[in-house]
Amino acid sequence: MFNFLSALFKLAVVSLITGAALSAMNLSAEAILARVGLTPDRLLELFERGLQWAIPNIILGSMVILPIWAVVYLLRPPRG
């Protein structure tokens, strides 16, 4: 758990430093998105479409994977 929190903190610090550097160069998220041909609204729409596709597939896959994992977990030999 500590490794996960440490990695999350490091990502936050690096993101903050990068954001400050880009802000100092007068760049914004909207400007960068405009350069690649996206708008914030279009990016949000693509994200929502991705979630609409992914969530049913995750649920369907978990209906197969979780029972298999439970059986394997129960049939494992006990540890030391």
PDB file of N, CA and C in Angstrom:
ATOM      1  N   MET A   1       0.824  -1.188   0.000  1.00  0.00           N
ATOM      2  CA  MET A   1       0.000   0.000   0.000  1.00  0.00           C
ATOM      3  C   MET A   1       0.874   1.259   0.000  1.00  0.00           C
ATOM      4  N   PHE A   2       1.983   1.189   0.753  1.00  0.00           N
ATOM      5  CA  PHE A   2       2.881   2.339   0.813  1.00  0.00           C
ATOM      6  C   PHE A   2       3.472   2.640  -0.556  1.00  0.00           C
ATOM      7  N   ASN A   3       3.833   1.599  -1.318  1.00  0.00           N
ATOM      8  CA  ASN A   3       4.404   1.799  -2.651  1.00  0.00           C
ATOM      9  C   ASN A   3       3.410   2.503  -3.561  1.00  0.00           C
ATOM     10  N   PHE A   4       2.136   2.116  -3.470  1.00  0.00           N
ATOM     11  CA  PHE A   4       1.105   2.744  -4.292  1.00  0.00           C
ATOM     12  C   PHE A   4       0.958   4.217  -3.937  1.00  0.00           C
ATOM     13  N   LEU A   5       0.885   4.518  -2.647  1.00  0.00           N
ATOM     14  CA  LEU A   5       0.738   5.918  -2.224  1.00  0.00           C
ATOM     15  C   LEU A   5       1.970   6.737  -2.589  1.00  0.00           C
ATOM     16  N   SER A   6       3.140   6.131  -2.478  1.00  0.00           N
ATOM     17  CA  SER A   6       4.368   6.814  -2.855  1.00  0.00           C
ATOM     18  C   SER A   6       4.373   7.140  -4.344  1.00  0.00           C
ATOM     19  N   ALA A   7       3.987   6.178  -5.166  1.00  0.00           N
ATOM     20  CA  ALA A   7       3.931   6.413  -6.613  1.00  0.00           C
ATOM     21  C   ALA A   7       2.894   7.477  -6.945  1.00  0.00           C
ATOM     22  N   LEU A   8       1.746   7.446  -6.273  1.00  0.00           N
ATOM     23  CA  LEU A   8       0.700   8.439  -6.505  1.00  0.00           C
ATOM     24  C   LEU A   8       1.187   9.839  -6.137  1.00  0.00           C
ATOM     25  N   PHE A   9       1.906   9.947  -5.025  1.00  0.00           N
ATOM     26  CA  PHE A   9       2.457  11.239  -4.604  1.00  0.00           C
ATOM     27  C   PHE A   9       3.487  11.744  -5.606  1.00  0.00           C
ATOM     28  N   LYS A  10       4.358  10.847  -6.078  1.00  0.00           N
ATOM     29  CA  LYS A  10       5.370  11.243  -7.058  1.00  0.00           C
ATOM     30  C   LYS A  10       4.722  11.730  -8.348  1.00  0.00           C
ATOM     31  N   LEU A  11       3.686  11.038  -8.803  1.00  0.00           N
ATOM     32  CA  LEU A  11       2.979  11.472 -10.010  1.00  0.00           C
ATOM     33  C   LEU A  11       2.345  12.847  -9.814  1.00  0.00           C
ATOM     34  N   ALA A  12       1.784  13.086  -8.640  1.00  0.00           N
ATOM     35  CA  ALA A  12       1.173  14.384  -8.360  1.00  0.00           C
ATOM     36  C   ALA A  12       2.219  15.496  -8.374  1.00  0.00           C
ATOM     37  N   VAL A  13       3.379  15.251  -7.784  1.00  0.00           N
ATOM     38  CA  VAL A  13       4.434  16.270  -7.737  1.00  0.00           C
ATOM     39  C   VAL A  13       4.963  16.557  -9.141  1.00  0.00           C
ATOM     40  N   VAL A  14       5.224  15.503  -9.917  1.00  0.00           N
ATOM     41  CA  VAL A  14       5.729  15.703 -11.281  1.00  0.00           C
ATOM     42  C   VAL A  14       4.684  16.424 -12.129  1.00  0.00           C
ATOM     43  N   SER A  15       3.413  16.084 -11.951  1.00  0.00           N
ATOM     44  CA  SER A  15       2.345  16.766 -12.693  1.00  0.00           C
ATOM     45  C   SER A  15       2.266  18.238 -12.316  1.00  0.00           C
ATOM     46  N   LEU A  16       2.421  18.527 -11.038  1.00  0.00           N
ATOM     47  CA  LEU A  16       2.397  19.911 -10.582  1.00  0.00           C
ATOM     48  C   LEU A  16       3.552  20.707 -11.177  1.00  0.00           C
ATOM     49  N   ILE A  17       4.743  20.137 -11.173  1.00  0.00           N
ATOM     50  CA  ILE A  17       5.918  20.815 -11.733  1.00  0.00           C
ATOM     51  C   ILE A  17       5.747  21.034 -13.232  1.00  0.00           C
ATOM     52  N   THR A  18       5.279  20.009 -13.938  1.00  0.00           N
ATOM     53  CA  THR A  18       5.064  20.128 -15.381  1.00  0.00           C
ATOM     54  C   THR A  18       4.003  21.174 -15.686  1.00  0.00           C
ATOM     55  N   GLY A  19       2.916  21.164 -14.926  1.00  0.00           N
ATOM     56  CA  GLY A  19       1.862  22.161 -15.118  1.00  0.00           C
ATOM     57  C   GLY A  19       2.354  23.571 -14.875  1.00  0.00           C
ATOM     58  N   ALA A  20       3.176  23.744 -13.845  1.00  0.00           N
ATOM     59  CA  ALA A  20       3.731  25.076 -13.565  1.00  0.00           C
ATOM     60  C   ALA A  20       4.649  25.529 -14.691  1.00  0.00           C
ATOM     61  N   ALA A  21       5.461  24.616 -15.224  1.00  0.00           N
ATOM     62  CA  ALA A  21       6.360  24.964 -16.329  1.00  0.00           C
ATOM     63  C   ALA A  21       5.566  25.338 -17.582  1.00  0.00           C
ATOM     64  N   LEU A  22       4.543  24.567 -17.892  1.00  0.00           N
ATOM     65  CA  LEU A  22       3.714  24.894 -19.064  1.00  0.00           C
ATOM     66  C   LEU A  22       2.974  26.207 -18.874  1.00  0.00           C
ATOM     67  N   SER A  23       2.512  26.455 -17.657  1.00  0.00           N
ATOM     68  CA  SER A  23       1.831  27.715 -17.367  1.00  0.00           C
ATOM     69  C   SER A  23       2.790  28.894 -17.512  1.00  0.00           C
ATOM     70  N   ALA A  24       4.033  28.712 -17.113  1.00  0.00           N
ATOM     71  CA  ALA A  24       5.035  29.780 -17.245  1.00  0.00           C
ATOM     72  C   ALA A  24       5.312  30.090 -18.709  1.00  0.00           C
ATOM     73  N   MET A  25       5.110  29.111 -19.588  1.00  0.00           N
ATOM     74  CA  MET A  25       5.299  29.325 -21.026  1.00  0.00           C
ATOM     75  C   MET A  25       3.994  29.756 -21.709  1.00  0.00           C
ATOM     76  N   ASN A  26       3.013  30.176 -20.897  1.00  0.00           N
ATOM     77  CA  ASN A  26       1.707  30.649 -21.383  1.00  0.00           C
ATOM     78  C   ASN A  26       0.970  29.595 -22.210  1.00  0.00           C
ATOM     79  N   LEU A  27       1.073  28.349 -21.816  1.00  0.00           N
ATOM     80  CA  LEU A  27       0.319  27.276 -22.457  1.00  0.00           C
ATOM     81  C   LEU A  27      -0.796  26.838 -21.519  1.00  0.00           C
ATOM     82  N   SER A  28      -1.930  26.528 -22.097  1.00  0.00           N
ATOM     83  CA  SER A  28      -3.050  26.032 -21.302  1.00  0.00           C
ATOM     84  C   SER A  28      -3.513  24.703 -21.887  1.00  0.00           C
ATOM     85  N   ALA A  29      -4.343  24.016 -21.133  1.00  0.00           N
ATOM     86  CA  ALA A  29      -4.870  22.739 -21.611  1.00  0.00           C
ATOM     87  C   ALA A  29      -5.681  22.951 -22.893  1.00  0.00           C
ATOM     88  N   GLU A  30      -6.447  24.024 -22.952  1.00  0.00           N
ATOM     89  CA  GLU A  30      -7.251  24.304 -24.139  1.00  0.00           C
ATOM     90  C   GLU A  30      -6.374  24.541 -25.361  1.00  0.00           C
ATOM     91  N   ALA A  31      -5.269  25.247 -25.177  1.00  0.00           N
ATOM     92  CA  ALA A  31      -4.362  25.525 -26.295  1.00  0.00           C
ATOM     93  C   ALA A  31      -3.706  24.250 -26.805  1.00  0.00           C
ATOM     94  N   ILE A  32      -3.289  23.394 -25.894  1.00  0.00           N
ATOM     95  CA  ILE A  32      -2.668  22.129 -26.310  1.00  0.00           C
ATOM     96  C   ILE A  32      -3.689  21.245 -27.014  1.00  0.00           C
ATOM     97  N   LEU A  33      -4.905  21.175 -26.481  1.00  0.00           N
ATOM     98  CA  LEU A  33      -5.951  20.381 -27.129  1.00  0.00           C
ATOM     99  C   LEU A  33      -6.292  20.936 -28.509  1.00  0.00           C
ATOM    100  N   ALA A  34      -6.324  22.264 -28.647  1.00  0.00           N
ATOM    101  CA  ALA A  34      -6.623  22.878 -29.940  1.00  0.00           C
ATOM    102  C   ALA A  34      -5.550  22.526 -30.970  1.00  0.00           C
ATOM    103  N   ARG A  35      -4.307  22.440 -30.523  1.00  0.00           N
ATOM    104  CA  ARG A  35      -3.218  22.069 -31.453  1.00  0.00           C
ATOM    105  C   ARG A  35      -3.388  20.675 -32.007  1.00  0.00           C
ATOM    106  N   VAL A  36      -3.945  19.757 -31.233  1.00  0.00           N
ATOM    107  CA  VAL A  36      -4.146  18.387 -31.714  1.00  0.00           C
ATOM    108  C   VAL A  36      -5.540  18.187 -32.282  1.00  0.00           C
ATOM    109  N   GLY A  37      -6.316  19.254 -32.358  1.00  0.00           N
ATOM    110  CA  GLY A  37      -7.613  19.201 -33.011  1.00  0.00           C
ATOM    111  C   GLY A  37      -8.757  18.744 -32.123  1.00  0.00           C
ATOM    112  N   LEU A  38      -8.645  18.960 -30.841  1.00  0.00           N
ATOM    113  CA  LEU A  38      -9.707  18.584 -29.907  1.00  0.00           C
ATOM    114  C   LEU A  38     -10.174  19.795 -29.125  1.00  0.00           C
ATOM    115  N   THR A  39     -11.377  19.705 -28.613  1.00  0.00           N
ATOM    116  CA  THR A  39     -11.883  20.701 -27.689  1.00  0.00           C
ATOM    117  C   THR A  39     -12.114  19.987 -26.353  1.00  0.00           C
ATOM    118  N   PRO A  40     -12.189  20.733 -25.266  1.00  0.00           N
ATOM    119  CA  PRO A  40     -12.474  20.076 -23.982  1.00  0.00           C
ATOM    120  C   PRO A  40     -13.790  19.294 -24.006  1.00  0.00           C
ATOM    121  N   ASP A  41     -14.802  19.841 -24.696  1.00  0.00           N
ATOM    122  CA  ASP A  41     -16.083  19.139 -24.784  1.00  0.00           C
ATOM    123  C   ASP A  41     -15.948  17.836 -25.563  1.00  0.00           C
ATOM    124  N   ARG A  42     -15.205  17.857 -26.662  1.00  0.00           N
ATOM    125  CA  ARG A  42     -15.005  16.644 -27.467  1.00  0.00           C
ATOM    126  C   ARG A  42     -14.216  15.605 -26.669  1.00  0.00           C
ATOM    127  N   LEU A  43     -13.214  16.047 -25.920  1.00  0.00           N
ATOM    128  CA  LEU A  43     -12.429  15.136 -25.102  1.00  0.00           C
ATOM    129  C   LEU A  43     -13.300  14.481 -24.030  1.00  0.00           C
ATOM    130  N   LEU A  44     -14.174  15.254 -23.403  1.00  0.00           N
ATOM    131  CA  LEU A  44     -15.097  14.713 -22.417  1.00  0.00           C
ATOM    132  C   LEU A  44     -16.057  13.715 -23.062  1.00  0.00           C
ATOM    133  N   GLU A  45     -16.527  14.025 -24.270  1.00  0.00           N
ATOM    134  CA  GLU A  45     -17.417  13.113 -24.991  1.00  0.00           C
ATOM    135  C   GLU A  45     -16.709  11.793 -25.309  1.00  0.00           C
ATOM    136  N   LEU A  46     -15.469  11.873 -25.746  1.00  0.00           N
ATOM    137  CA  LEU A  46     -14.709  10.651 -26.031  1.00  0.00           C
ATOM    138  C   LEU A  46     -14.490   9.833 -24.768  1.00  0.00           C
ATOM    139  N   PHE A  47     -14.213  10.500 -23.659  1.00  0.00           N
ATOM    140  CA  PHE A  47     -14.029   9.816 -22.384  1.00  0.00           C
ATOM    141  C   PHE A  47     -15.312   9.109 -21.960  1.00  0.00           C
ATOM    142  N   GLU A  48     -16.452   9.791 -22.099  1.00  0.00           N
ATOM    143  CA  GLU A  48     -17.744   9.189 -21.739  1.00  0.00           C
ATOM    144  C   GLU A  48     -18.062   7.994 -22.626  1.00  0.00           C
ATOM    145  N   ARG A  49     -17.791   8.114 -23.919  1.00  0.00           N
ATOM    146  CA  ARG A  49     -18.019   6.983 -24.824  1.00  0.00           C
ATOM    147  C   ARG A  49     -17.137   5.800 -24.463  1.00  0.00           C
ATOM    148  N   GLY A  50     -15.900   6.081 -24.073  1.00  0.00           N
ATOM    149  CA  GLY A  50     -15.003   5.019 -23.640  1.00  0.00           C
ATOM    150  C   GLY A  50     -15.524   4.310 -22.400  1.00  0.00           C
ATOM    151  N   LEU A  51     -16.034   5.084 -21.443  1.00  0.00           N
ATOM    152  CA  LEU A  51     -16.603   4.483 -20.239  1.00  0.00           C
ATOM    153  C   LEU A  51     -17.853   3.674 -20.563  1.00  0.00           C
ATOM    154  N   GLN A  52     -18.700   4.193 -21.462  1.00  0.00           N
ATOM    155  CA  GLN A  52     -19.908   3.463 -21.847  1.00  0.00           C
ATOM    156  C   GLN A  52     -19.568   2.135 -22.501  1.00  0.00           C
ATOM    157  N   TRP A  53     -18.447   2.066 -23.186  1.00  0.00           N
ATOM    158  CA  TRP A  53     -18.011   0.813 -23.792  1.00  0.00           C
ATOM    159  C   TRP A  53     -17.353  -0.099 -22.757  1.00  0.00           C
ATOM    160  N   ALA A  54     -16.518   0.477 -21.884  1.00  0.00           N
ATOM    161  CA  ALA A  54     -15.702  -0.330 -20.985  1.00  0.00           C
ATOM    162  C   ALA A  54     -16.489  -0.934 -19.825  1.00  0.00           C
ATOM    163  N   ILE A  55     -17.381  -0.196 -19.230  1.00  0.00           N
ATOM    164  CA  ILE A  55     -18.057  -0.670 -18.026  1.00  0.00           C
ATOM    165  C   ILE A  55     -18.844  -1.961 -18.274  1.00  0.00           C
ATOM    166  N   PRO A  56     -19.677  -2.067 -19.323  1.00  0.00           N
ATOM    167  CA  PRO A  56     -20.369  -3.347 -19.540  1.00  0.00           C
ATOM    168  C   PRO A  56     -19.404  -4.499 -19.801  1.00  0.00           C
ATOM    169  N   ASN A  57     -18.296  -4.238 -20.487  1.00  0.00           N
ATOM    170  CA  ASN A  57     -17.325  -5.300 -20.747  1.00  0.00           C
ATOM    171  C   ASN A  57     -16.600  -5.724 -19.479  1.00  0.00           C
ATOM    172  N   ILE A  58     -16.321  -4.788 -18.600  1.00  0.00           N
ATOM    173  CA  ILE A  58     -15.695  -5.129 -17.318  1.00  0.00           C
ATOM    174  C   ILE A  58     -16.642  -5.985 -16.486  1.00  0.00           C
ATOM    175  N   ILE A  59     -17.904  -5.612 -16.445  1.00  0.00           N
ATOM    176  CA  ILE A  59     -18.885  -6.386 -15.681  1.00  0.00           C
ATOM    177  C   ILE A  59     -19.038  -7.782 -16.260  1.00  0.00           C
ATOM    178  N   LEU A  60     -19.137  -7.882 -17.577  1.00  0.00           N
ATOM    179  CA  LEU A  60     -19.266  -9.181 -18.221  1.00  0.00           C
ATOM    180  C   LEU A  60     -18.052 -10.056 -17.956  1.00  0.00           C
ATOM    181  N   GLY A  61     -16.872  -9.507 -18.084  1.00  0.00           N
ATOM    182  CA  GLY A  61     -15.657 -10.264 -17.826  1.00  0.00           C
ATOM    183  C   GLY A  61     -15.542 -10.692 -16.376  1.00  0.00           C
ATOM    184  N   SER A  62     -15.963  -9.829 -15.457  1.00  0.00           N
ATOM    185  CA  SER A  62     -15.871 -10.176 -14.044  1.00  0.00           C
ATOM    186  C   SER A  62     -16.836 -11.294 -13.668  1.00  0.00           C
ATOM    187  N   MET A  63     -17.918 -11.437 -14.424  1.00  0.00           N
ATOM    188  CA  MET A  63     -18.854 -12.525 -14.170  1.00  0.00           C
ATOM    189  C   MET A  63     -18.224 -13.882 -14.476  1.00  0.00           C
ATOM    190  N   VAL A  64     -17.206 -13.911 -15.286  1.00  0.00           N
ATOM    191  CA  VAL A  64     -16.494 -15.153 -15.606  1.00  0.00           C
ATOM    192  C   VAL A  64     -15.244 -15.279 -14.729  1.00  0.00           C
ATOM    193  N   ILE A  65     -14.490 -14.218 -14.608  1.00  0.00           N
ATOM    194  CA  ILE A  65     -13.197 -14.265 -13.939  1.00  0.00           C
ATOM    195  C   ILE A  65     -13.320 -14.436 -12.427  1.00  0.00           C
ATOM    196  N   LEU A  66     -14.220 -13.712 -11.784  1.00  0.00           N
ATOM    197  CA  LEU A  66     -14.306 -13.770 -10.321  1.00  0.00           C
ATOM    198  C   LEU A  66     -14.671 -15.159  -9.791  1.00  0.00           C
ATOM    199  N   PRO A  67     -15.637 -15.874 -10.368  1.00  0.00           N
ATOM    200  CA  PRO A  67     -15.879 -17.242  -9.871  1.00  0.00           C
ATOM    201  C   PRO A  67     -14.683 -18.171 -10.081  1.00  0.00           C
ATOM    202  N   ILE A  68     -13.995 -18.044 -11.202  1.00  0.00           N
ATOM    203  CA  ILE A  68     -12.809 -18.872 -11.439  1.00  0.00           C
ATOM    204  C   ILE A  68     -11.740 -18.541 -10.407  1.00  0.00           C
ATOM    205  N   TRP A  69     -11.512 -17.265 -10.142  1.00  0.00           N
ATOM    206  CA  TRP A  69     -10.530 -16.859  -9.146  1.00  0.00           C
ATOM    207  C   TRP A  69     -10.910 -17.386  -7.765  1.00  0.00           C
ATOM    208  N   ALA A  70     -12.200 -17.324  -7.408  1.00  0.00           N
ATOM    209  CA  ALA A  70     -12.642 -17.794  -6.097  1.00  0.00           C
ATOM    210  C   ALA A  70     -12.385 -19.292  -5.932  1.00  0.00           C
ATOM    211  N   VAL A  71     -12.670 -20.082  -6.967  1.00  0.00           N
ATOM    212  CA  VAL A  71     -12.435 -21.526  -6.893  1.00  0.00           C
ATOM    213  C   VAL A  71     -10.943 -21.808  -6.763  1.00  0.00           C
ATOM    214  N   VAL A  72     -10.129 -21.163  -7.555  1.00  0.00           N
ATOM    215  CA  VAL A  72      -8.677 -21.369  -7.480  1.00  0.00           C
ATOM    216  C   VAL A  72      -8.160 -20.951  -6.104  1.00  0.00           C
ATOM    217  N   TYR A  73      -8.667 -19.841  -5.573  1.00  0.00           N
ATOM    218  CA  TYR A  73      -8.229 -19.367  -4.260  1.00  0.00           C
ATOM    219  C   TYR A  73      -8.592 -20.367  -3.167  1.00  0.00           C
ATOM    220  N   LEU A  74      -9.791 -20.928  -3.252  1.00  0.00           N
ATOM    221  CA  LEU A  74     -10.231 -21.884  -2.242  1.00  0.00           C
ATOM    222  C   LEU A  74      -9.492 -23.214  -2.325  1.00  0.00           C
ATOM    223  N   LEU A  75      -9.051 -23.593  -3.498  1.00  0.00           N
ATOM    224  CA  LEU A  75      -8.385 -24.880  -3.684  1.00  0.00           C
ATOM    225  C   LEU A  75      -6.870 -24.804  -3.528  1.00  0.00           C
ATOM    226  N   ARG A  76      -6.330 -23.637  -3.270  1.00  0.00           N
ATOM    227  CA  ARG A  76      -4.884 -23.505  -3.054  1.00  0.00           C
ATOM    228  C   ARG A  76      -4.476 -24.204  -1.776  1.00  0.00           C
ATOM    229  N   PRO A  77      -3.276 -24.773  -1.770  1.00  0.00           N
ATOM    230  CA  PRO A  77      -2.808 -25.351  -0.497  1.00  0.00           C
ATOM    231  C   PRO A  77      -2.523 -24.250   0.509  1.00  0.00           C
ATOM    232  N   PRO A  78      -2.720 -24.548   1.795  1.00  0.00           N
ATOM    233  CA  PRO A  78      -2.486 -23.517   2.821  1.00  0.00           C
ATOM    234  C   PRO A  78      -1.013 -23.123   2.892  1.00  0.00           C
ATOM    235  N   ARG A  79      -0.795 -21.884   3.254  1.00  0.00           N
ATOM    236  CA  ARG A  79       0.580 -21.366   3.389  1.00  0.00           C
ATOM    237  C   ARG A  79       1.115 -21.674   4.776  1.00  0.00           C
ATOM    238  N   GLY A  80       2.433 -21.839   4.845  1.00  0.00           N
ATOM    239  CA  GLY A  80       3.244 -22.135   5.997  1.00  0.00           C
ATOM    240  C   GLY A  80       2.643 -21.920   7.306  1.00  0.00           C
TER     241      GLY A  80
END
